[in-house]
């Protein structure tokens, strides 16, 4: 059950750069980039909450499920 991260779409809607979001959330730009690309196995709820607060959105605005094989991830973020 692959989860697709649509964080880049929400950043574009909010006209916010990754650097600004990373600073607001308190994570590195590298970790945010990994999350945006979907190359992580998970994200902590407190990190997800800070992202949602900064972007004024819901978790469902950032994550979607699509049927198909599970992609390989590098690890957890945040």
N, C-alpha and C. Protein backbone atom coordinates (compact mmCIF):
# COMPACT_ATOMS: atom_id res chain seq x y z
N UNK A 1 0.83 -1.19 0.00
CA UNK A 1 0.00 0.00 0.00
C UNK A 1 0.87 1.24 0.00
N UNK A 2 1.21 1.74 -1.14
CA UNK A 2 2.08 2.90 -1.21
C UNK A 2 1.37 4.20 -0.83
N UNK A 3 2.04 4.97 -0.03
CA UNK A 3 1.55 6.29 0.34
C UNK A 3 2.31 7.31 -0.50
N UNK A 4 1.58 8.20 -1.13
CA UNK A 4 2.16 9.24 -1.98
C UNK A 4 2.16 10.55 -1.19
N UNK A 5 3.28 11.22 -1.15
CA UNK A 5 3.41 12.50 -0.45
C UNK A 5 3.19 13.62 -1.46
N UNK A 6 2.22 14.48 -1.16
CA UNK A 6 1.88 15.59 -2.06
C UNK A 6 2.27 16.93 -1.44
N UNK A 7 3.32 16.91 -0.64
CA UNK A 7 3.79 18.11 0.04
C UNK A 7 4.17 19.21 -0.94
N UNK A 8 4.78 18.85 -2.05
CA UNK A 8 5.18 19.85 -3.04
C UNK A 8 3.97 20.61 -3.60
N UNK A 9 2.85 19.92 -3.74
CA UNK A 9 1.63 20.56 -4.24
C UNK A 9 1.14 21.60 -3.23
N UNK A 10 1.14 21.23 -1.94
CA UNK A 10 0.67 22.16 -0.91
C UNK A 10 1.63 23.34 -0.77
N UNK A 11 2.92 23.10 -0.90
CA UNK A 11 3.88 24.21 -0.87
C UNK A 11 3.60 25.19 -2.00
N UNK A 12 3.32 24.68 -3.18
CA UNK A 12 3.02 25.55 -4.32
C UNK A 12 1.72 26.32 -4.08
N UNK A 13 0.72 25.66 -3.53
CA UNK A 13 -0.56 26.35 -3.25
C UNK A 13 -0.38 27.48 -2.24
N UNK A 14 0.51 27.27 -1.29
CA UNK A 14 0.74 28.26 -0.23
C UNK A 14 1.84 29.26 -0.61
N UNK A 15 2.42 29.05 -1.81
CA UNK A 15 3.50 29.92 -2.28
C UNK A 15 4.62 30.01 -1.24
N UNK A 16 5.01 28.85 -0.75
CA UNK A 16 6.06 28.77 0.27
C UNK A 16 7.20 27.91 -0.26
N UNK A 17 8.40 28.30 0.03
CA UNK A 17 9.59 27.54 -0.37
C UNK A 17 9.91 26.49 0.69
N UNK A 18 10.57 25.45 0.23
CA UNK A 18 10.96 24.36 1.14
C UNK A 18 11.81 24.87 2.28
N UNK A 19 12.70 25.78 2.00
CA UNK A 19 13.59 26.32 3.04
C UNK A 19 12.78 26.97 4.15
N UNK A 20 11.78 27.76 3.79
CA UNK A 20 10.95 28.43 4.79
C UNK A 20 10.19 27.41 5.63
N UNK A 21 9.62 26.40 4.98
CA UNK A 21 8.88 25.38 5.72
C UNK A 21 9.81 24.63 6.66
N UNK A 22 10.99 24.25 6.19
CA UNK A 22 11.94 23.53 7.04
C UNK A 22 12.28 24.35 8.28
N UNK A 23 12.49 25.65 8.11
CA UNK A 23 12.80 26.52 9.25
C UNK A 23 11.63 26.60 10.22
N UNK A 24 10.41 26.73 9.71
CA UNK A 24 9.22 26.82 10.57
C UNK A 24 8.97 25.52 11.34
N UNK A 25 9.24 24.40 10.68
CA UNK A 25 8.95 23.09 11.26
C UNK A 25 10.09 22.64 12.19
N UNK A 26 11.31 23.08 11.89
CA UNK A 26 12.44 22.69 12.71
C UNK A 26 13.10 21.40 12.25
N UNK A 27 13.08 21.16 10.93
CA UNK A 27 13.78 20.02 10.37
C UNK A 27 14.73 20.53 9.29
N UNK A 28 15.66 19.70 8.90
CA UNK A 28 16.62 20.12 7.87
C UNK A 28 15.96 20.12 6.50
N UNK A 29 16.51 20.92 5.61
CA UNK A 29 16.02 20.92 4.23
C UNK A 29 16.21 19.56 3.59
N UNK A 30 17.28 18.87 3.97
CA UNK A 30 17.55 17.54 3.42
C UNK A 30 16.44 16.56 3.82
N UNK A 31 16.03 16.59 5.09
CA UNK A 31 14.95 15.71 5.53
C UNK A 31 13.62 16.08 4.87
N UNK A 32 13.38 17.37 4.71
CA UNK A 32 12.16 17.80 4.04
C UNK A 32 12.17 17.34 2.59
N UNK A 33 13.31 17.40 1.94
CA UNK A 33 13.44 16.94 0.56
C UNK A 33 13.15 15.45 0.46
N UNK A 34 13.68 14.67 1.40
CA UNK A 34 13.40 13.23 1.42
C UNK A 34 11.91 12.96 1.59
N UNK A 35 11.28 13.72 2.47
CA UNK A 35 9.84 13.56 2.69
C UNK A 35 9.06 13.92 1.43
N UNK A 36 9.42 15.04 0.80
CA UNK A 36 8.73 15.46 -0.43
C UNK A 36 8.83 14.42 -1.53
N UNK A 37 9.98 13.75 -1.61
CA UNK A 37 10.19 12.77 -2.67
C UNK A 37 9.60 11.40 -2.33
N UNK A 38 9.11 11.24 -1.10
CA UNK A 38 8.52 9.97 -0.70
C UNK A 38 9.54 8.91 -0.36
N UNK A 39 10.80 9.30 -0.15
CA UNK A 39 11.86 8.34 0.11
C UNK A 39 12.06 8.09 1.60
N UNK A 40 10.99 8.12 2.36
CA UNK A 40 11.04 7.84 3.79
C UNK A 40 10.02 6.76 4.12
N UNK A 41 10.26 6.06 5.19
CA UNK A 41 9.33 5.03 5.62
C UNK A 41 8.27 5.59 6.57
N UNK A 42 8.53 6.74 7.16
CA UNK A 42 7.57 7.30 8.11
C UNK A 42 7.93 8.72 8.48
N UNK A 43 6.99 9.35 9.16
CA UNK A 43 7.18 10.70 9.67
C UNK A 43 6.53 10.75 11.04
N UNK A 44 7.17 11.40 11.98
CA UNK A 44 6.61 11.51 13.33
C UNK A 44 5.37 12.39 13.30
N UNK A 45 4.40 12.04 14.15
CA UNK A 45 3.17 12.82 14.20
C UNK A 45 3.43 14.27 14.60
N UNK A 46 4.39 14.52 15.49
CA UNK A 46 4.65 15.90 15.89
C UNK A 46 5.23 16.70 14.71
N UNK A 47 6.05 16.05 13.87
CA UNK A 47 6.57 16.71 12.68
C UNK A 47 5.44 16.99 11.69
N UNK A 48 4.59 16.00 11.48
CA UNK A 48 3.44 16.17 10.59
C UNK A 48 2.54 17.28 11.09
N UNK A 49 2.34 17.34 12.40
CA UNK A 49 1.51 18.38 12.98
C UNK A 49 2.09 19.77 12.74
N UNK A 50 3.40 19.91 12.89
CA UNK A 50 4.05 21.21 12.66
C UNK A 50 3.97 21.60 11.18
N UNK A 51 4.09 20.63 10.29
CA UNK A 51 3.96 20.91 8.86
C UNK A 51 2.54 21.40 8.56
N UNK A 52 1.56 20.70 9.10
CA UNK A 52 0.16 21.10 8.88
C UNK A 52 -0.12 22.49 9.45
N UNK A 53 0.45 22.78 10.61
CA UNK A 53 0.26 24.10 11.21
C UNK A 53 0.87 25.19 10.32
N UNK A 54 2.08 24.96 9.85
CA UNK A 54 2.77 25.94 9.01
C UNK A 54 2.05 26.16 7.68
N UNK A 55 1.48 25.10 7.12
CA UNK A 55 0.80 25.19 5.82
C UNK A 55 -0.70 25.39 5.94
N UNK A 56 -1.21 25.39 7.18
CA UNK A 56 -2.65 25.53 7.42
C UNK A 56 -3.44 24.52 6.59
N UNK A 57 -3.12 23.23 6.82
CA UNK A 57 -3.78 22.17 6.08
C UNK A 57 -4.00 20.96 6.97
N UNK A 58 -4.60 19.94 6.43
CA UNK A 58 -4.84 18.68 7.13
C UNK A 58 -3.85 17.64 6.63
N UNK A 59 -3.56 16.60 7.44
CA UNK A 59 -2.66 15.54 6.98
C UNK A 59 -3.09 14.93 5.64
N UNK A 60 -4.38 14.81 5.42
CA UNK A 60 -4.89 14.26 4.17
C UNK A 60 -4.60 15.13 2.96
N UNK A 61 -4.25 16.40 3.19
CA UNK A 61 -3.86 17.28 2.09
C UNK A 61 -2.44 16.98 1.64
N UNK A 62 -1.68 16.27 2.48
CA UNK A 62 -0.26 16.01 2.21
C UNK A 62 0.03 14.57 1.84
N UNK A 63 -0.89 13.67 2.15
CA UNK A 63 -0.67 12.24 1.95
C UNK A 63 -1.85 11.63 1.20
N UNK A 64 -1.54 10.71 0.30
CA UNK A 64 -2.58 9.99 -0.44
C UNK A 64 -2.16 8.54 -0.57
N UNK A 65 -3.12 7.65 -0.62
CA UNK A 65 -2.85 6.23 -0.82
C UNK A 65 -3.19 5.87 -2.26
N UNK A 66 -2.27 5.17 -2.90
CA UNK A 66 -2.51 4.67 -4.26
C UNK A 66 -2.19 3.20 -4.28
N UNK A 67 -3.05 2.38 -4.88
CA UNK A 67 -2.78 0.94 -4.93
C UNK A 67 -1.54 0.66 -5.78
N UNK A 68 -0.84 -0.39 -5.41
CA UNK A 68 0.35 -0.78 -6.16
C UNK A 68 1.43 -1.28 -5.23
N UNK A 69 2.58 -1.61 -5.76
CA UNK A 69 3.67 -2.13 -4.94
C UNK A 69 4.24 -1.05 -4.03
N UNK A 70 4.71 -1.48 -2.89
CA UNK A 70 5.31 -0.57 -1.90
C UNK A 70 6.68 -0.09 -2.40
N UNK A 71 6.91 1.23 -2.49
CA UNK A 71 8.23 1.71 -2.87
C UNK A 71 9.20 1.57 -1.71
N UNK A 72 10.48 1.46 -2.05
CA UNK A 72 11.50 1.36 -1.00
C UNK A 72 11.79 2.74 -0.45
N UNK A 73 11.92 2.83 0.89
CA UNK A 73 12.22 4.10 1.55
C UNK A 73 13.54 4.03 2.26
N UNK A 74 14.06 5.20 2.64
CA UNK A 74 15.36 5.27 3.29
C UNK A 74 15.26 5.30 4.81
N UNK A 75 14.12 5.69 5.37
CA UNK A 75 14.02 5.76 6.83
C UNK A 75 12.96 6.73 7.27
N UNK A 76 13.00 7.05 8.58
CA UNK A 76 12.03 7.96 9.18
C UNK A 76 12.52 9.39 9.08
N UNK A 77 11.57 10.33 9.11
CA UNK A 77 11.89 11.76 9.12
C UNK A 77 11.35 12.36 10.39
N UNK A 78 12.13 13.25 10.97
CA UNK A 78 11.69 14.04 12.11
C UNK A 78 11.71 13.27 13.33
